[in-house]
Amino acid sequence: MKDNILRFDAHFKEPEAIEKIRQSLSQPQYQQIPIKTAQEIEKLKISGSICANILDEILPFVAPGDTESIKYIIDSKLTR
């Protein structure tokens, strides 16, 4: 295991573990987390609900190796 990756069994009350967490979270990729507005969150909920409904509808048709019929079913559900 790399030294810069925290182990899940680390004791997080130890100062060294807390410092490792602080260092990890100070990296640029963790400093640019966008904050969503209430309207954006509502749109995400609606799109997530649409995706969940589509997945529920195609579940009976899912079979290993059969992607073409799934693509057709998804396309038909998205364009109605």
C-alpha atoms as a PDB file:
ATOM      1  CA  MET A   1       0.000   0.000   0.000  1.00  0.00           C
ATOM      2  CA  LYS A   2       1.290   3.473  -0.831  1.00  0.00           C
ATOM      3  CA  ASP A   3       2.213   5.746   2.067  1.00  0.00           C
ATOM      4  CA  ASN A   4      -0.048   8.575   0.913  1.00  0.00           C
ATOM      5  CA  ILE A   5      -3.193   6.435   0.985  1.00  0.00           C
ATOM      6  CA  LEU A   6      -4.992   6.152   4.300  1.00  0.00           C
ATOM      7  CA  ARG A   7      -5.831   2.724   5.570  1.00  0.00           C
ATOM      8  CA  PHE A   8      -9.437   2.182   6.616  1.00  0.00           C
ATOM      9  CA  ASP A   9      -8.355   0.774   9.952  1.00  0.00           C
ATOM     10  CA  ALA A  10      -6.344   3.889  10.875  1.00  0.00           C
ATOM     11  CA  HIS A  11      -7.163   5.374  14.253  1.00  0.00           C
ATOM     12  CA  PHE A  12      -8.535   8.775  13.238  1.00  0.00           C
ATOM     13  CA  LYS A  13      -8.028  10.363  16.647  1.00  0.00           C
ATOM     14  CA  GLU A  14      -4.256  10.192  16.303  1.00  0.00           C
ATOM     15  CA  PRO A  15      -2.683  13.502  15.228  1.00  0.00           C
ATOM     16  CA  GLU A  16      -0.713  11.792  12.453  1.00  0.00           C
ATOM     17  CA  ALA A  17      -3.886  10.344  10.923  1.00  0.00           C
ATOM     18  CA  ILE A  18      -5.677  13.685  11.133  1.00  0.00           C
ATOM     19  CA  GLU A  19      -2.735  15.397   9.441  1.00  0.00           C
ATOM     20  CA  LYS A  20      -2.747  12.799   6.635  1.00  0.00           C
ATOM     21  CA  ILE A  21      -6.446  13.484   6.068  1.00  0.00           C
ATOM     22  CA  ARG A  22      -5.824  17.254   5.986  1.00  0.00           C
ATOM     23  CA  GLN A  23      -2.998  16.824   3.476  1.00  0.00           C
ATOM     24  CA  SER A  24      -5.093  14.553   1.274  1.00  0.00           C
ATOM     25  CA  LEU A  25      -8.050  16.947   1.268  1.00  0.00           C
ATOM     26  CA  SER A  26      -5.844  19.941   0.473  1.00  0.00           C
ATOM     27  CA  GLN A  27      -5.086  18.545  -2.991  1.00  0.00           C
ATOM     28  CA  PRO A  28      -6.578  20.590  -5.877  1.00  0.00           C
ATOM     29  CA  GLN A  29      -9.066  17.934  -6.994  1.00  0.00           C
ATOM     30  CA  TYR A  30     -10.797  18.163  -3.602  1.00  0.00           C
ATOM     31  CA  GLN A  31     -10.797  21.962  -3.472  1.00  0.00           C
ATOM     32  CA  GLN A  32     -13.001  22.390  -6.545  1.00  0.00           C
ATOM     33  CA  ILE A  33     -16.200  20.664  -5.462  1.00  0.00           C
ATOM     34  CA  PRO A  34     -19.037  22.694  -6.986  1.00  0.00           C
ATOM     35  CA  ILE A  35     -21.899  23.759  -4.716  1.00  0.00           C
ATOM     36  CA  LYS A  36     -25.279  23.267  -6.388  1.00  0.00           C
ATOM     37  CA  THR A  37     -28.146  25.738  -6.209  1.00  0.00           C
ATOM     38  CA  ALA A  38     -31.651  24.654  -5.195  1.00  0.00           C
ATOM     39  CA  GLN A  39     -32.742  24.728  -8.865  1.00  0.00           C
ATOM     40  CA  GLU A  40     -29.782  22.576  -9.938  1.00  0.00           C
ATOM     41  CA  ILE A  41     -30.516  20.055  -7.192  1.00  0.00           C
ATOM     42  CA  GLU A  42     -34.154  19.872  -8.284  1.00  0.00           C
ATOM     43  CA  LYS A  43     -33.093  19.245 -11.902  1.00  0.00           C
ATOM     44  CA  LEU A  44     -30.718  16.502 -10.740  1.00  0.00           C
ATOM     45  CA  LYS A  45     -33.551  14.849  -8.798  1.00  0.00           C
ATOM     46  CA  ILE A  46     -35.797  14.895 -11.872  1.00  0.00           C
ATOM     47  CA  SER A  47     -33.114  13.494 -14.189  1.00  0.00           C
ATOM     48  CA  GLY A  48     -32.210  10.838 -11.622  1.00  0.00           C
ATOM     49  CA  SER A  49     -35.855   9.829 -11.365  1.00  0.00           C
ATOM     50  CA  ILE A  50     -36.136   9.535 -15.149  1.00  0.00           C
ATOM     51  CA  CYS A  51     -33.029   7.339 -15.285  1.00  0.00           C
ATOM     52  CA  ALA A  52     -34.303   5.153 -12.430  1.00  0.00           C
ATOM     53  CA  ASN A  53     -37.645   4.673 -14.204  1.00  0.00           C
ATOM     54  CA  ILE A  54     -35.921   3.686 -17.445  1.00  0.00           C
ATOM     55  CA  LEU A  55     -33.707   1.184 -15.614  1.00  0.00           C
ATOM     56  CA  ASP A  56     -36.766  -0.298 -13.867  1.00  0.00           C
ATOM     57  CA  GLU A  57     -38.544  -0.678 -17.213  1.00  0.00           C
ATOM     58  CA  ILE A  58     -35.658  -2.363 -19.043  1.00  0.00           C
ATOM     59  CA  LEU A  59     -34.674  -4.706 -16.214  1.00  0.00           C
ATOM     60  CA  PRO A  60     -36.871  -7.605 -17.466  1.00  0.00           C
ATOM     61  CA  PHE A  61     -35.171  -7.417 -20.880  1.00  0.00           C
ATOM     62  CA  VAL A  62     -31.559  -7.453 -19.649  1.00  0.00           C
ATOM     63  CA  ALA A  63     -29.628 -10.568 -20.601  1.00  0.00           C
ATOM     64  CA  PRO A  64     -25.893 -11.262 -20.843  1.00  0.00           C
ATOM     65  CA  GLY A  65     -24.476 -10.367 -24.242  1.00  0.00           C
ATOM     66  CA  ASP A  66     -27.645  -8.707 -25.550  1.00  0.00           C
ATOM     67  CA  THR A  67     -26.891  -5.013 -25.944  1.00  0.00           C
ATOM     68  CA  GLU A  68     -28.667  -4.203 -29.204  1.00  0.00           C
ATOM     69  CA  SER A  69     -32.191  -4.849 -27.944  1.00  0.00           C
ATOM     70  CA  ILE A  70     -31.438  -2.894 -24.768  1.00  0.00           C
ATOM     71  CA  LYS A  71     -30.221   0.072 -26.838  1.00  0.00           C
ATOM     72  CA  TYR A  72     -33.413  -0.067 -28.898  1.00  0.00           C
ATOM     73  CA  ILE A  73     -35.642  -0.192 -25.814  1.00  0.00           C
ATOM     74  CA  ILE A  74     -33.801   2.692 -24.138  1.00  0.00           C
ATOM     75  CA  ASP A  75     -33.940   4.796 -27.323  1.00  0.00           C
ATOM     76  CA  SER A  76     -37.664   4.185 -27.680  1.00  0.00           C
ATOM     77  CA  LYS A  77     -38.309   5.144 -24.050  1.00  0.00           C
ATOM     78  CA  LEU A  78     -36.222   8.314 -24.309  1.00  0.00           C
ATOM     79  CA  THR A  79     -37.877   9.535 -27.505  1.00  0.00           C
ATOM     80  CA  ARG A  80     -41.522   9.053 -26.569  1.00  0.00           C
END
